[in-house]
Amino acid sequence: MATVMKNVMSASVTPAPEGFSSRLEYWEKSTGLKADRCAHEICDRPATEGAIARRAFSSDNKVYVFPACETCARRTEMLYVDGPLAILS
C-alpha cells in the first residue's frame, strides 16, 4: 500500500545526514535495501537521490526520506510512495 507524501520544498539545500555521503545512501543504510527505482508508484526511472517529504493528510510532523528520480524529488504535488520510508527527523 502506498503512502501519500508531500515533498519538503527546501530539500534541495538540505545536506545529507552526518556520516553519509547522500540522503539516498542514508535511506539505503536505514532500510537495508538497495534504491534501484524511484519510489513514486507511477514512475519507473532510476532513483538518483533521496527525496525529503512529510506524510500528507497527517498530523505526523516527522520528515522522511525515500528514493526518487530527480523529477519526482522536486514535484510539488502529492506523491504515492511505495516501500519503506526512513525517518530523517
PDB file of N, CA and C in Angstrom:
ATOM      1  N   MET A   1       0.842  -1.180   0.000  1.00  0.00           N
ATOM      2  CA  MET A   1       0.000   0.000   0.000  1.00  0.00           C
ATOM      3  C   MET A   1       0.888   1.243   0.000  1.00  0.00           C
ATOM      4  N   ALA A   2       0.593   2.159  -0.851  1.00  0.00           N
ATOM      5  CA  ALA A   2       1.399   3.373  -0.983  1.00  0.00           C
ATOM      6  C   ALA A   2       1.071   4.370   0.130  1.00  0.00           C
ATOM      7  N   THR A   3       2.057   5.171   0.477  1.00  0.00           N
ATOM      8  CA  THR A   3       1.896   6.247   1.441  1.00  0.00           C
ATOM      9  C   THR A   3       1.832   7.558   0.671  1.00  0.00           C
ATOM     10  N   VAL A   4       0.877   8.406   0.997  1.00  0.00           N
ATOM     11  CA  VAL A   4       0.758   9.695   0.325  1.00  0.00           C
ATOM     12  C   VAL A   4       1.720  10.670   1.001  1.00  0.00           C
ATOM     13  N   MET A   5       2.631  11.224   0.188  1.00  0.00           N
ATOM     14  CA  MET A   5       3.680  12.102   0.711  1.00  0.00           C
ATOM     15  C   MET A   5       3.655  13.449  -0.004  1.00  0.00           C
ATOM     16  N   LYS A   6       4.178  14.463   0.658  1.00  0.00           N
ATOM     17  CA  LYS A   6       4.323  15.806   0.086  1.00  0.00           C
ATOM     18  C   LYS A   6       5.763  16.222   0.296  1.00  0.00           C
ATOM     19  N   ASN A   7       6.471  16.502  -0.793  1.00  0.00           N
ATOM     20  CA  ASN A   7       7.882  16.880  -0.708  1.00  0.00           C
ATOM     21  C   ASN A   7       8.078  18.156   0.101  1.00  0.00           C
ATOM     22  N   VAL A   8       9.188  18.213   0.812  1.00  0.00           N
ATOM     23  CA  VAL A   8       9.589  19.412   1.534  1.00  0.00           C
ATOM     24  C   VAL A   8      10.341  20.280   0.529  1.00  0.00           C
ATOM     25  N   MET A   9       9.875  21.476   0.316  1.00  0.00           N
ATOM     26  CA  MET A   9      10.389  22.295  -0.773  1.00  0.00           C
ATOM     27  C   MET A   9      11.844  22.747  -0.603  1.00  0.00           C
ATOM     28  N   SER A  10      12.358  22.850   0.589  1.00  0.00           N
ATOM     29  CA  SER A  10      13.756  23.274   0.786  1.00  0.00           C
ATOM     30  C   SER A  10      14.718  22.093   0.739  1.00  0.00           C
ATOM     31  N   ALA A  11      14.240  20.943   0.310  1.00  0.00           N
ATOM     32  CA  ALA A  11      15.035  19.720   0.354  1.00  0.00           C
ATOM     33  C   ALA A  11      16.309  19.793  -0.472  1.00  0.00           C
ATOM     34  N   SER A  12      16.290  20.539  -1.564  1.00  0.00           N
ATOM     35  CA  SER A  12      17.470  20.576  -2.432  1.00  0.00           C
ATOM     36  C   SER A  12      18.671  21.216  -1.742  1.00  0.00           C
ATOM     37  N   VAL A  13      18.440  21.997  -0.705  1.00  0.00           N
ATOM     38  CA  VAL A  13      19.553  22.618   0.017  1.00  0.00           C
ATOM     39  C   VAL A  13      19.836  21.912   1.347  1.00  0.00           C
ATOM     40  N   THR A  14      19.068  20.881   1.659  1.00  0.00           N
ATOM     41  CA  THR A  14      19.268  20.132   2.896  1.00  0.00           C
ATOM     42  C   THR A  14      20.394  19.120   2.695  1.00  0.00           C
ATOM     43  N   PRO A  15      21.439  19.207   3.515  1.00  0.00           N
ATOM     44  CA  PRO A  15      22.565  18.281   3.335  1.00  0.00           C
ATOM     45  C   PRO A  15      22.214  16.851   3.775  1.00  0.00           C
ATOM     46  N   ALA A  16      23.074  15.938   3.393  1.00  0.00           N
ATOM     47  CA  ALA A  16      22.929  14.551   3.838  1.00  0.00           C
ATOM     48  C   ALA A  16      23.150  14.495   5.348  1.00  0.00           C
ATOM     49  N   PRO A  17      22.535  13.541   6.028  1.00  0.00           N
ATOM     50  CA  PRO A  17      22.784  13.390   7.466  1.00  0.00           C
ATOM     51  C   PRO A  17      24.269  13.141   7.728  1.00  0.00           C
ATOM     52  N   GLU A  18      24.719  13.557   8.874  1.00  0.00           N
ATOM     53  CA  GLU A  18      26.130  13.397   9.238  1.00  0.00           C
ATOM     54  C   GLU A  18      26.550  11.935   9.137  1.00  0.00           C
ATOM     55  N   GLY A  19      27.687  11.710   8.494  1.00  0.00           N
ATOM     56  CA  GLY A  19      28.221  10.364   8.332  1.00  0.00           C
ATOM     57  C   GLY A  19      27.799   9.693   7.034  1.00  0.00           C
ATOM     58  N   PHE A  20      26.997  10.361   6.220  1.00  0.00           N
ATOM     59  CA  PHE A  20      26.523   9.800   4.953  1.00  0.00           C
ATOM     60  C   PHE A  20      26.892  10.738   3.815  1.00  0.00           C
ATOM     61  N   SER A  21      27.181  10.171   2.655  1.00  0.00           N
ATOM     62  CA  SER A  21      27.557  10.994   1.509  1.00  0.00           C
ATOM     63  C   SER A  21      26.337  11.569   0.787  1.00  0.00           C
ATOM     64  N   SER A  22      25.163  10.964   1.000  1.00  0.00           N
ATOM     65  CA  SER A  22      23.940  11.460   0.363  1.00  0.00           C
ATOM     66  C   SER A  22      22.727  10.996   1.165  1.00  0.00           C
ATOM     67  N   ARG A  23      21.591  11.626   0.893  1.00  0.00           N
ATOM     68  CA  ARG A  23      20.348  11.189   1.537  1.00  0.00           C
ATOM     69  C   ARG A  23      19.928   9.825   1.009  1.00  0.00           C
ATOM     70  N   LEU A  24      20.279   9.516  -0.239  1.00  0.00           N
ATOM     71  CA  LEU A  24      19.962   8.200  -0.797  1.00  0.00           C
ATOM     72  C   LEU A  24      20.751   7.111  -0.070  1.00  0.00           C
ATOM     73  N   GLU A  25      22.017   7.367   0.208  1.00  0.00           N
ATOM     74  CA  GLU A  25      22.822   6.414   0.981  1.00  0.00           C
ATOM     75  C   GLU A  25      22.215   6.234   2.377  1.00  0.00           C
ATOM     76  N   TYR A  26      21.753   7.317   2.986  1.00  0.00           N
ATOM     77  CA  TYR A  26      21.115   7.249   4.300  1.00  0.00           C
ATOM     78  C   TYR A  26      19.890   6.332   4.252  1.00  0.00           C
ATOM     79  N   TRP A  27      19.051   6.484   3.203  1.00  0.00           N
ATOM     80  CA  TRP A  27      17.868   5.640   3.070  1.00  0.00           C
ATOM     81  C   TRP A  27      18.279   4.172   2.938  1.00  0.00           C
ATOM     82  N   GLU A  28      19.278   3.900   2.103  1.00  0.00           N
ATOM     83  CA  GLU A  28      19.722   2.514   1.904  1.00  0.00           C
ATOM     84  C   GLU A  28      20.235   1.903   3.199  1.00  0.00           C
ATOM     85  N   LYS A  29      21.034   2.632   3.944  1.00  0.00           N
ATOM     86  CA  LYS A  29      21.580   2.092   5.206  1.00  0.00           C
ATOM     87  C   LYS A  29      20.472   1.938   6.247  1.00  0.00           C
ATOM     88  N   SER A  30      19.521   2.868   6.271  1.00  0.00           N
ATOM     89  CA  SER A  30      18.435   2.818   7.257  1.00  0.00           C
ATOM     90  C   SER A  30      17.466   1.670   7.005  1.00  0.00           C
ATOM     91  N   THR A  31      17.219   1.374   5.730  1.00  0.00           N
ATOM     92  CA  THR A  31      16.236   0.329   5.397  1.00  0.00           C
ATOM     93  C   THR A  31      16.864  -1.020   5.096  1.00  0.00           C
ATOM     94  N   GLY A  32      18.163  -1.035   4.791  1.00  0.00           N
ATOM     95  CA  GLY A  32      18.822  -2.270   4.403  1.00  0.00           C
ATOM     96  C   GLY A  32      18.493  -2.702   2.976  1.00  0.00           C
ATOM     97  N   LEU A  33      17.918  -1.799   2.198  1.00  0.00           N
ATOM     98  CA  LEU A  33      17.521  -2.092   0.822  1.00  0.00           C
ATOM     99  C   LEU A  33      18.381  -1.306  -0.162  1.00  0.00           C
ATOM    100  N   LYS A  34      18.374  -1.730  -1.412  1.00  0.00           N
ATOM    101  CA  LYS A  34      19.071  -1.029  -2.485  1.00  0.00           C
ATOM    102  C   LYS A  34      18.050  -0.161  -3.215  1.00  0.00           C
ATOM    103  N   ALA A  35      18.378   1.107  -3.397  1.00  0.00           N
ATOM    104  CA  ALA A  35      17.477   2.046  -4.074  1.00  0.00           C
ATOM    105  C   ALA A  35      17.701   1.978  -5.575  1.00  0.00           C
ATOM    106  N   ASP A  36      17.007   1.074  -6.241  1.00  0.00           N
ATOM    107  CA  ASP A  36      17.154   0.916  -7.681  1.00  0.00           C
ATOM    108  C   ASP A  36      16.230   1.843  -8.463  1.00  0.00           C
ATOM    109  N   ARG A  37      14.999   1.972  -8.001  1.00  0.00           N
ATOM    110  CA  ARG A  37      13.972   2.703  -8.733  1.00  0.00           C
ATOM    111  C   ARG A  37      13.361   3.797  -7.869  1.00  0.00           C
ATOM    112  N   CYS A  38      12.839   4.810  -8.525  1.00  0.00           N
ATOM    113  CA  CYS A  38      12.082   5.858  -7.857  1.00  0.00           C
ATOM    114  C   CYS A  38      10.896   5.207  -7.133  1.00  0.00           C
ATOM    115  N   ALA A  39      10.626   5.638  -5.916  1.00  0.00           N
ATOM    116  CA  ALA A  39       9.557   5.028  -5.124  1.00  0.00           C
ATOM    117  C   ALA A  39       8.167   5.567  -5.454  1.00  0.00           C
ATOM    118  N   HIS A  40       8.065   6.635  -6.254  1.00  0.00           N
ATOM    119  CA  HIS A  40       6.755   7.147  -6.669  1.00  0.00           C
ATOM    120  C   HIS A  40       6.106   6.058  -7.524  1.00  0.00           C
ATOM    121  N   GLU A  41       4.908   5.633  -7.155  1.00  0.00           N
ATOM    122  CA  GLU A  41       4.319   4.432  -7.749  1.00  0.00           C
ATOM    123  C   GLU A  41       4.066   4.522  -9.253  1.00  0.00           C
ATOM    124  N   ILE A  42       4.003   5.702  -9.825  1.00  0.00           N
ATOM    125  CA  ILE A  42       3.774   5.783 -11.272  1.00  0.00           C
ATOM    126  C   ILE A  42       5.047   6.117 -12.047  1.00  0.00           C
ATOM    127  N   CYS A  43       6.187   6.046 -11.405  1.00  0.00           N
ATOM    128  CA  CYS A  43       7.461   6.367 -12.052  1.00  0.00           C
ATOM    129  C   CYS A  43       8.310   5.101 -12.153  1.00  0.00           C
ATOM    130  N   ASP A  44       9.023   4.954 -13.249  1.00  0.00           N
ATOM    131  CA  ASP A  44       9.892   3.785 -13.390  1.00  0.00           C
ATOM    132  C   ASP A  44      11.344   4.181 -13.671  1.00  0.00           C
ATOM    133  N   ARG A  45      11.678   5.444 -13.402  1.00  0.00           N
ATOM    134  CA  ARG A  45      13.054   5.897 -13.618  1.00  0.00           C
ATOM    135  C   ARG A  45      13.949   5.452 -12.456  1.00  0.00           C
ATOM    136  N   PRO A  46      15.251   5.417 -12.681  1.00  0.00           N
ATOM    137  CA  PRO A  46      16.183   5.054 -11.605  1.00  0.00           C
ATOM    138  C   PRO A  46      16.172   6.101 -10.487  1.00  0.00           C
ATOM    139  N   ALA A  47      16.348   5.649  -9.270  1.00  0.00           N
ATOM    140  CA  ALA A  47      16.473   6.560  -8.124  1.00  0.00           C
ATOM    141  C   ALA A  47      17.867   7.170  -8.154  1.00  0.00           C
ATOM    142  N   THR A  48      17.923   8.485  -8.114  1.00  0.00           N
ATOM    143  CA  THR A  48      19.209   9.188  -8.139  1.00  0.00           C
ATOM    144  C   THR A  48      19.443  10.023  -6.897  1.00  0.00           C
ATOM    145  N   GLU A  49      18.405  10.193  -6.080  1.00  0.00           N
ATOM    146  CA  GLU A  49      18.558  10.985  -4.863  1.00  0.00           C
ATOM    147  C   GLU A  49      17.531  10.587  -3.823  1.00  0.00           C
ATOM    148  N   GLY A  50      17.763  11.053  -2.623  1.00  0.00           N
ATOM    149  CA  GLY A  50      16.825  10.815  -1.532  1.00  0.00           C
ATOM    150  C   GLY A  50      15.936  12.029  -1.381  1.00  0.00           C
ATOM    151  N   ALA A  51      14.656  11.869  -1.688  1.00  0.00           N
ATOM    152  CA  ALA A  51      13.703  12.968  -1.551  1.00  0.00           C
ATOM    153  C   ALA A  51      13.326  13.125  -0.084  1.00  0.00           C
ATOM    154  N   ILE A  52      13.067  14.350   0.318  1.00  0.00           N
ATOM    155  CA  ILE A  52      12.656  14.634   1.686  1.00  0.00           C
ATOM    156  C   ILE A  52      11.185  15.033   1.647  1.00  0.00           C
ATOM    157  N   ALA A  53      10.374  14.360   2.461  1.00  0.00           N
ATOM    158  CA  ALA A  53       8.929  14.608   2.417  1.00  0.00           C
ATOM    159  C   ALA A  53       8.298  14.388   3.786  1.00  0.00           C
ATOM    160  N   ARG A  54       7.076  14.866   3.892  1.00  0.00           N
ATOM    161  CA  ARG A  54       6.227  14.623   5.066  1.00  0.00           C
ATOM    162  C   ARG A  54       5.002  13.850   4.593  1.00  0.00           C
ATOM    163  N   ARG A  55       4.374  13.153   5.522  1.00  0.00           N
ATOM    164  CA  ARG A  55       3.134  12.442   5.196  1.00  0.00           C
ATOM    165  C   ARG A  55       2.038  13.472   4.938  1.00  0.00           C
ATOM    166  N   ALA A  56       1.307  13.307   3.855  1.00  0.00           N
ATOM    167  CA  ALA A  56       0.185  14.191   3.538  1.00  0.00           C
ATOM    168  C   ALA A  56      -1.030  13.774   4.366  1.00  0.00           C
ATOM    169  N   PHE A  57      -1.897  14.714   4.644  1.00  0.00           N
ATOM    170  CA  PHE A  57      -3.135  14.455   5.380  1.00  0.00           C
ATOM    171  C   PHE A  57      -2.873  13.795   6.731  1.00  0.00           C
ATOM    172  N   SER A  58      -1.823  14.223   7.410  1.00  0.00           N
ATOM    173  CA  SER A  58      -1.436  13.608   8.681  1.00  0.00           C
ATOM    174  C   SER A  58      -0.950  14.675   9.655  1.00  0.00           C
ATOM    175  N   SER A  59      -1.125  14.410  10.925  1.00  0.00           N
ATOM    176  CA  SER A  59      -0.577  15.309  11.953  1.00  0.00           C
ATOM    177  C   SER A  59       0.858  14.919  12.304  1.00  0.00           C
ATOM    178  N   ASP A  60       1.361  13.891  11.645  1.00  0.00           N
ATOM    179  CA  ASP A  60       2.743  13.435  11.829  1.00  0.00           C
ATOM    180  C   ASP A  60       3.686  14.523  11.301  1.00  0.00           C
ATOM    181  N   ASN A  61       4.500  15.091  12.163  1.00  0.00           N
ATOM    182  CA  ASN A  61       5.409  16.165  11.761  1.00  0.00           C
ATOM    183  C   ASN A  61       6.808  15.674  11.425  1.00  0.00           C
ATOM    184  N   LYS A  62       6.995  14.359  11.386  1.00  0.00           N
ATOM    185  CA  LYS A  62       8.313  13.821  11.059  1.00  0.00           C
ATOM    186  C   LYS A  62       8.643  14.079   9.591  1.00  0.00           C
ATOM    187  N   VAL A  63       9.935  14.130   9.318  1.00  0.00           N
ATOM    188  CA  VAL A  63      10.426  14.282   7.958  1.00  0.00           C
ATOM    189  C   VAL A  63      11.031  12.944   7.547  1.00  0.00           C
ATOM    190  N   TYR A  64      10.714  12.495   6.346  1.00  0.00           N
ATOM    191  CA  TYR A  64      11.137  11.188   5.861  1.00  0.00           C
ATOM    192  C   TYR A  64      11.965  11.315   4.591  1.00  0.00           C
ATOM    193  N   VAL A  65      12.725  10.271   4.310  1.00  0.00           N
ATOM    194  CA  VAL A  65      13.493  10.175   3.069  1.00  0.00           C
ATOM    195  C   VAL A  65      12.996   8.951   2.307  1.00  0.00           C
ATOM    196  N   PHE A  66      12.886   9.094   0.985  1.00  0.00           N
ATOM    197  CA  PHE A  66      12.573   7.952   0.130  1.00  0.00           C
ATOM    198  C   PHE A  66      13.361   8.103  -1.167  1.00  0.00           C
ATOM    199  N   PRO A  67      13.656   7.010  -1.855  1.00  0.00           N
ATOM    200  CA  PRO A  67      14.416   7.087  -3.111  1.00  0.00           C
ATOM    201  C   PRO A  67      13.561   7.694  -4.219  1.00  0.00           C
ATOM    202  N   ALA A  68      14.155   8.612  -4.974  1.00  0.00           N
ATOM    203  CA  ALA A  68      13.405   9.283  -6.039  1.00  0.00           C
ATOM    204  C   ALA A  68      14.319   9.614  -7.212  1.00  0.00           C
ATOM    205  N   CYS A  69      13.695   9.761  -8.371  1.00  0.00           N
ATOM    206  CA  CYS A  69      14.421  10.299  -9.513  1.00  0.00           C
ATOM    207  C   CYS A  69      14.481  11.816  -9.321  1.00  0.00           C
ATOM    208  N   GLU A  70      15.265  12.482 -10.133  1.00  0.00           N
ATOM    209  CA  GLU A  70      15.412  13.936  -9.991  1.00  0.00           C
ATOM    210  C   GLU A  70      14.072  14.655 -10.152  1.00  0.00           C
ATOM    211  N   THR A  71      13.253  14.211 -11.083  1.00  0.00           N
ATOM    212  CA  THR A  71      11.957  14.854 -11.329  1.00  0.00           C
ATOM    213  C   THR A  71      11.017  14.695 -10.145  1.00  0.00           C
ATOM    214  N   CYS A  72      10.860  13.485  -9.646  1.00  0.00           N
ATOM    215  CA  CYS A  72       9.928  13.240  -8.542  1.00  0.00           C
ATOM    216  C   CYS A  72      10.395  13.876  -7.236  1.00  0.00           C
ATOM    217  N   ALA A  73      11.683  14.009  -7.048  1.00  0.00           N
ATOM    218  CA  ALA A  73      12.203  14.642  -5.838  1.00  0.00           C
ATOM    219  C   ALA A  73      11.842  16.122  -5.786  1.00  0.00           C
ATOM    220  N   ARG A  74      11.493  16.711  -6.922  1.00  0.00           N
ATOM    221  CA  ARG A  74      11.167  18.132  -6.983  1.00  0.00           C
ATOM    222  C   ARG A  74       9.694  18.417  -7.283  1.00  0.00           C
ATOM    223  N   ARG A  75       8.882  17.391  -7.317  1.00  0.00           N
ATOM    224  CA  ARG A  75       7.453  17.596  -7.583  1.00  0.00           C
ATOM    225  C   ARG A  75       6.808  18.376  -6.445  1.00  0.00           C
ATOM    226  N   THR A  76       5.839  19.187  -6.792  1.00  0.00           N
ATOM    227  CA  THR A  76       5.140  19.968  -5.775  1.00  0.00           C
ATOM    228  C   THR A  76       3.798  19.344  -5.390  1.00  0.00           C
ATOM    229  N   GLU A  77       3.286  18.444  -6.229  1.00  0.00           N
ATOM    230  CA  GLU A  77       2.022  17.784  -5.882  1.00  0.00           C
ATOM    231  C   GLU A  77       2.309  16.567  -4.988  1.00  0.00           C
ATOM    232  N   MET A  78       1.249  15.991  -4.457  1.00  0.00           N
ATOM    233  CA  MET A  78       1.418  14.817  -3.602  1.00  0.00           C
ATOM    234  C   MET A  78       1.871  13.622  -4.421  1.00  0.00           C
ATOM    235  N   LEU A  79       2.624  12.744  -3.778  1.00  0.00           N
ATOM    236  CA  LEU A  79       3.159  11.543  -4.419  1.00  0.00           C
ATOM    237  C   LEU A  79       2.680  10.313  -3.660  1.00  0.00           C
ATOM    238  N   TYR A  80       2.442   9.259  -4.382  1.00  0.00           N
ATOM    239  CA  TYR A  80       2.131   7.968  -3.770  1.00  0.00           C
ATOM    240  C   TYR A  80       3.427   7.170  -3.761  1.00  0.00           C
ATOM    241  N   VAL A  81       3.957   6.955  -2.570  1.00  0.00           N
ATOM    242  CA  VAL A  81       5.275   6.352  -2.425  1.00  0.00           C
ATOM    243  C   VAL A  81       5.149   4.901  -1.962  1.00  0.00           C
ATOM    244  N   ASP A  82       5.740   4.000  -2.725  1.00  0.00           N
ATOM    245  CA  ASP A  82       5.775   2.579  -2.377  1.00  0.00           C
ATOM    246  C   ASP A  82       7.065   2.282  -1.615  1.00  0.00           C
ATOM    247  N   GLY A  83       6.983   1.382  -0.689  1.00  0.00           N
ATOM    248  CA  GLY A  83       8.179   0.947   0.028  1.00  0.00           C
ATOM    249  C   GLY A  83       8.394   1.697   1.321  1.00  0.00           C
ATOM    250  N   PRO A  84       9.419   1.290   2.044  1.00  0.00           N
ATOM    251  CA  PRO A  84       9.676   1.888   3.352  1.00  0.00           C
ATOM    252  C   PRO A  84      10.194   3.313   3.256  1.00  0.00           C
ATOM    253  N   LEU A  85       9.924   4.056   4.307  1.00  0.00           N
ATOM    254  CA  LEU A  85      10.433   5.416   4.463  1.00  0.00           C
ATOM    255  C   LEU A  85      11.484   5.380   5.561  1.00  0.00           C
ATOM    256  N   ALA A  86      12.485   6.233   5.447  1.00  0.00           N
ATOM    257  CA  ALA A  86      13.482   6.363   6.509  1.00  0.00           C
ATOM    258  C   ALA A  86      13.229   7.682   7.227  1.00  0.00           C
ATOM    259  N   ILE A  87      13.108   7.660   8.537  1.00  0.00           N
ATOM    260  CA  ILE A  87      12.864   8.885   9.309  1.00  0.00           C
ATOM    261  C   ILE A  87      14.138   9.712   9.319  1.00  0.00           C
ATOM    262  N   LEU A  88      13.999  10.979   8.935  1.00  0.00           N
ATOM    263  CA  LEU A  88      15.135  11.896   8.938  1.00  0.00           C
ATOM    264  C   LEU A  88      15.130  12.712  10.219  1.00  0.00           C
ATOM    265  N   SER A  89      13.966  13.183  10.616  1.00  0.00           N
ATOM    266  CA  SER A  89      13.856  13.930  11.893  1.00  0.00           C
ATOM    267  C   SER A  89      12.416  13.957  12.353  1.00  0.00           C
TER     268      SER A  89
END
